[in-house]
Amino acid sequence: MSGVLGRTISQGSLLIRQFLTARNPAFQEVAGFKVKSRLKLRCRCCYFIRVNGRLHVECNENPRHKAREVFDVKKLW
C-alpha cells in the first residue's frame, strides 16, 4: 500500500512543480506608459518622439522609462 501511496504523492508533486515553473522564460512583461506633465530623459538610451500630437519618451534599453504627456483637452480645439 505504501508503494502505491508513494507513487501517487510523487506524481502529484510532479504536477505541482509543472504548474509552478515559468511557462516561457523568453516572455517578459513590458511596463506601460507613465503619464507625466513634465517629461525628461532618464538614461542615455532615452529619446523623445511625437505621436498623435503628444510628446513621448521611448527607451530601447529600459522599457520602464516609457512616458507620455498628459492628455490636454485644450490642445484639441
N, C-alpha and C. Protein backbone atom coordinates (compact mmCIF):
# COMPACT_ATOMS: atom_id res chain seq x y z
N MET A 1 0.82 -1.20 0.00
CA MET A 1 0.00 0.00 0.00
C MET A 1 0.87 1.26 0.00
N SER A 2 1.99 1.21 0.72
CA SER A 2 2.84 2.40 0.78
C SER A 2 3.47 2.68 -0.59
N GLY A 3 3.71 1.64 -1.42
CA GLY A 3 4.26 1.84 -2.76
C GLY A 3 3.29 2.61 -3.64
N VAL A 4 2.03 2.24 -3.61
CA VAL A 4 1.01 2.93 -4.40
C VAL A 4 0.83 4.35 -3.90
N LEU A 5 0.79 4.49 -2.59
CA LEU A 5 0.63 5.82 -2.00
C LEU A 5 1.84 6.70 -2.31
N GLY A 6 3.02 6.13 -2.23
CA GLY A 6 4.24 6.89 -2.55
C GLY A 6 4.27 7.36 -3.99
N ARG A 7 3.87 6.47 -4.94
CA ARG A 7 3.84 6.86 -6.35
C ARG A 7 2.80 7.94 -6.60
N THR A 8 1.66 7.86 -5.94
CA THR A 8 0.60 8.87 -6.11
C THR A 8 1.09 10.22 -5.62
N ILE A 9 1.76 10.24 -4.49
CA ILE A 9 2.26 11.51 -3.94
C ILE A 9 3.35 12.08 -4.85
N SER A 10 4.25 11.22 -5.34
CA SER A 10 5.33 11.73 -6.21
C SER A 10 4.76 12.25 -7.52
N GLN A 11 3.75 11.59 -8.08
CA GLN A 11 3.14 12.08 -9.32
C GLN A 11 2.42 13.40 -9.07
N GLY A 12 1.79 13.52 -7.91
CA GLY A 12 1.11 14.78 -7.55
C GLY A 12 2.11 15.91 -7.42
N SER A 13 3.26 15.64 -6.81
CA SER A 13 4.26 16.70 -6.64
C SER A 13 4.86 17.10 -7.99
N LEU A 14 4.97 16.14 -8.92
CA LEU A 14 5.45 16.48 -10.26
C LEU A 14 4.47 17.41 -10.97
N LEU A 15 3.18 17.15 -10.81
CA LEU A 15 2.17 18.03 -11.40
C LEU A 15 2.24 19.43 -10.81
N ILE A 16 2.43 19.50 -9.52
CA ILE A 16 2.52 20.81 -8.86
C ILE A 16 3.75 21.56 -9.35
N ARG A 17 4.88 20.85 -9.49
CA ARG A 17 6.10 21.50 -9.99
C ARG A 17 5.90 22.03 -11.41
N GLN A 18 5.17 21.30 -12.23
CA GLN A 18 4.93 21.76 -13.60
C GLN A 18 4.12 23.05 -13.62
N PHE A 19 3.16 23.16 -12.72
CA PHE A 19 2.36 24.38 -12.66
C PHE A 19 3.13 25.56 -12.08
N LEU A 20 4.08 25.30 -11.21
CA LEU A 20 4.81 26.37 -10.56
C LEU A 20 5.99 26.89 -11.38
N THR A 21 6.46 26.13 -12.35
CA THR A 21 7.59 26.58 -13.16
C THR A 21 7.14 27.65 -14.14
N ALA A 22 8.10 28.46 -14.59
CA ALA A 22 7.81 29.50 -15.57
C ALA A 22 7.45 28.86 -16.90
N ARG A 23 6.41 29.34 -17.50
CA ARG A 23 5.93 28.76 -18.76
C ARG A 23 6.89 29.04 -19.92
N ASN A 24 7.21 30.31 -20.09
CA ASN A 24 8.07 30.70 -21.20
C ASN A 24 9.05 31.75 -20.68
N PRO A 25 10.30 31.38 -20.45
CA PRO A 25 11.24 32.34 -19.88
C PRO A 25 11.56 33.50 -20.82
N ALA A 26 11.29 33.35 -22.12
CA ALA A 26 11.57 34.43 -23.07
C ALA A 26 10.52 35.53 -22.96
N PHE A 27 9.34 35.21 -22.38
CA PHE A 27 8.27 36.19 -22.26
C PHE A 27 8.62 37.17 -21.14
N GLN A 28 8.61 38.45 -21.45
CA GLN A 28 8.92 39.47 -20.46
C GLN A 28 7.80 40.50 -20.46
N GLU A 29 7.26 40.78 -19.30
CA GLU A 29 6.21 41.78 -19.23
C GLU A 29 6.81 43.16 -19.45
N VAL A 30 6.10 43.97 -20.19
CA VAL A 30 6.58 45.30 -20.51
C VAL A 30 5.70 46.31 -19.80
N ALA A 31 6.33 47.28 -19.19
CA ALA A 31 5.59 48.31 -18.48
C ALA A 31 4.89 49.23 -19.47
N GLY A 32 3.73 49.74 -19.08
CA GLY A 32 3.00 50.69 -19.92
C GLY A 32 3.59 52.08 -19.79
N PHE A 33 2.94 53.03 -20.43
CA PHE A 33 3.41 54.40 -20.36
C PHE A 33 3.10 55.02 -19.01
N LYS A 34 4.04 55.77 -18.49
CA LYS A 34 3.78 56.62 -17.34
C LYS A 34 3.27 57.94 -17.91
N VAL A 35 2.26 58.52 -17.30
CA VAL A 35 1.70 59.78 -17.76
C VAL A 35 2.23 60.87 -16.84
N LYS A 36 3.00 61.79 -17.42
CA LYS A 36 3.64 62.85 -16.62
C LYS A 36 3.44 64.19 -17.30
N SER A 37 3.37 65.23 -16.48
CA SER A 37 3.21 66.57 -17.03
C SER A 37 4.54 67.12 -17.52
N ARG A 38 5.64 66.66 -16.93
CA ARG A 38 6.97 67.12 -17.35
C ARG A 38 7.82 65.90 -17.69
N LEU A 39 8.22 65.81 -18.94
CA LEU A 39 8.99 64.66 -19.39
C LEU A 39 10.48 64.96 -19.33
N LYS A 40 11.27 63.94 -19.05
CA LYS A 40 12.72 64.10 -19.08
C LYS A 40 13.34 62.78 -19.53
N LEU A 41 14.54 62.88 -20.06
CA LEU A 41 15.28 61.71 -20.48
C LEU A 41 15.99 61.13 -19.26
N ARG A 42 15.77 59.85 -18.97
CA ARG A 42 16.28 59.25 -17.74
C ARG A 42 17.60 58.51 -17.91
N CYS A 43 17.96 58.16 -19.15
CA CYS A 43 19.25 57.50 -19.38
C CYS A 43 19.75 57.88 -20.77
N ARG A 44 20.89 57.36 -21.14
CA ARG A 44 21.49 57.73 -22.43
C ARG A 44 20.76 57.12 -23.62
N CYS A 45 19.92 56.12 -23.38
CA CYS A 45 19.17 55.46 -24.47
C CYS A 45 17.78 56.04 -24.67
N CYS A 46 17.34 56.93 -23.80
CA CYS A 46 16.01 57.53 -23.93
C CYS A 46 16.01 58.58 -25.03
N TYR A 47 14.87 58.72 -25.71
CA TYR A 47 14.73 59.74 -26.74
C TYR A 47 13.27 60.19 -26.81
N PHE A 48 13.09 61.42 -27.31
CA PHE A 48 11.75 61.99 -27.47
C PHE A 48 11.21 61.62 -28.83
N ILE A 49 9.89 61.43 -28.89
CA ILE A 49 9.19 61.17 -30.14
C ILE A 49 7.80 61.78 -30.03
N ARG A 50 7.29 62.31 -31.14
CA ARG A 50 5.95 62.89 -31.13
C ARG A 50 4.99 61.92 -31.80
N VAL A 51 3.93 61.53 -31.06
CA VAL A 51 2.94 60.58 -31.57
C VAL A 51 1.56 61.21 -31.39
N ASN A 52 0.84 61.36 -32.50
CA ASN A 52 -0.51 61.93 -32.47
C ASN A 52 -0.55 63.28 -31.75
N GLY A 53 0.45 64.11 -31.95
CA GLY A 53 0.49 65.43 -31.35
C GLY A 53 0.94 65.44 -29.90
N ARG A 54 1.24 64.30 -29.33
CA ARG A 54 1.70 64.22 -27.94
C ARG A 54 3.18 63.83 -27.90
N LEU A 55 3.88 64.35 -26.92
CA LEU A 55 5.29 64.03 -26.77
C LEU A 55 5.44 62.75 -25.95
N HIS A 56 6.24 61.82 -26.45
CA HIS A 56 6.50 60.55 -25.76
C HIS A 56 7.99 60.41 -25.51
N VAL A 57 8.34 59.67 -24.47
CA VAL A 57 9.72 59.27 -24.22
C VAL A 57 9.78 57.77 -24.43
N GLU A 58 10.68 57.33 -25.29
CA GLU A 58 10.89 55.91 -25.56
C GLU A 58 12.30 55.55 -25.11
N CYS A 59 12.48 54.28 -24.73
CA CYS A 59 13.80 53.81 -24.31
C CYS A 59 13.97 52.37 -24.78
N ASN A 60 15.03 52.12 -25.53
CA ASN A 60 15.28 50.77 -26.03
C ASN A 60 15.91 49.88 -24.96
N GLU A 61 16.64 50.46 -24.04
CA GLU A 61 17.35 49.68 -23.03
C GLU A 61 16.46 49.30 -21.85
N ASN A 62 15.67 50.25 -21.37
CA ASN A 62 14.83 50.01 -20.20
C ASN A 62 13.40 50.44 -20.50
N PRO A 63 12.48 49.47 -20.71
CA PRO A 63 11.11 49.84 -21.07
C PRO A 63 10.37 50.58 -19.96
N ARG A 64 10.88 50.56 -18.75
CA ARG A 64 10.22 51.29 -17.66
C ARG A 64 10.36 52.81 -17.82
N HIS A 65 11.22 53.26 -18.69
CA HIS A 65 11.40 54.70 -18.89
C HIS A 65 10.38 55.30 -19.84
N LYS A 66 9.49 54.47 -20.42
CA LYS A 66 8.49 54.99 -21.35
C LYS A 66 7.53 55.93 -20.62
N ALA A 67 7.29 57.07 -21.22
CA ALA A 67 6.38 58.05 -20.61
C ALA A 67 5.73 58.86 -21.73
N ARG A 68 4.61 59.48 -21.39
CA ARG A 68 3.94 60.37 -22.35
C ARG A 68 3.36 61.55 -21.61
N GLU A 69 3.04 62.59 -22.40
CA GLU A 69 2.45 63.79 -21.82
C GLU A 69 1.03 63.54 -21.36
N VAL A 70 0.56 64.38 -20.47
CA VAL A 70 -0.82 64.32 -20.01
C VAL A 70 -1.74 64.71 -21.17
N PHE A 71 -2.89 64.06 -21.26
CA PHE A 71 -3.87 64.38 -22.30
C PHE A 71 -4.46 65.75 -22.01
N ASP A 72 -4.25 66.67 -22.92
CA ASP A 72 -4.72 68.05 -22.74
C ASP A 72 -5.88 68.31 -23.69
N VAL A 73 -7.07 68.52 -23.16
CA VAL A 73 -8.26 68.75 -23.96
C VAL A 73 -8.17 70.07 -24.70
N LYS A 74 -7.50 71.07 -24.14
CA LYS A 74 -7.41 72.39 -24.76
C LYS A 74 -6.66 72.34 -26.08
N LYS A 75 -5.76 71.39 -26.24
CA LYS A 75 -5.00 71.30 -27.49
C LYS A 75 -5.85 70.72 -28.62
N LEU A 76 -6.97 70.11 -28.31
CA LEU A 76 -7.84 69.54 -29.34
C LEU A 76 -8.58 70.61 -30.12
N TRP A 77 -8.87 71.75 -29.51
CA TRP A 77 -9.68 72.77 -30.16
C TRP A 77 -8.85 73.78 -30.84
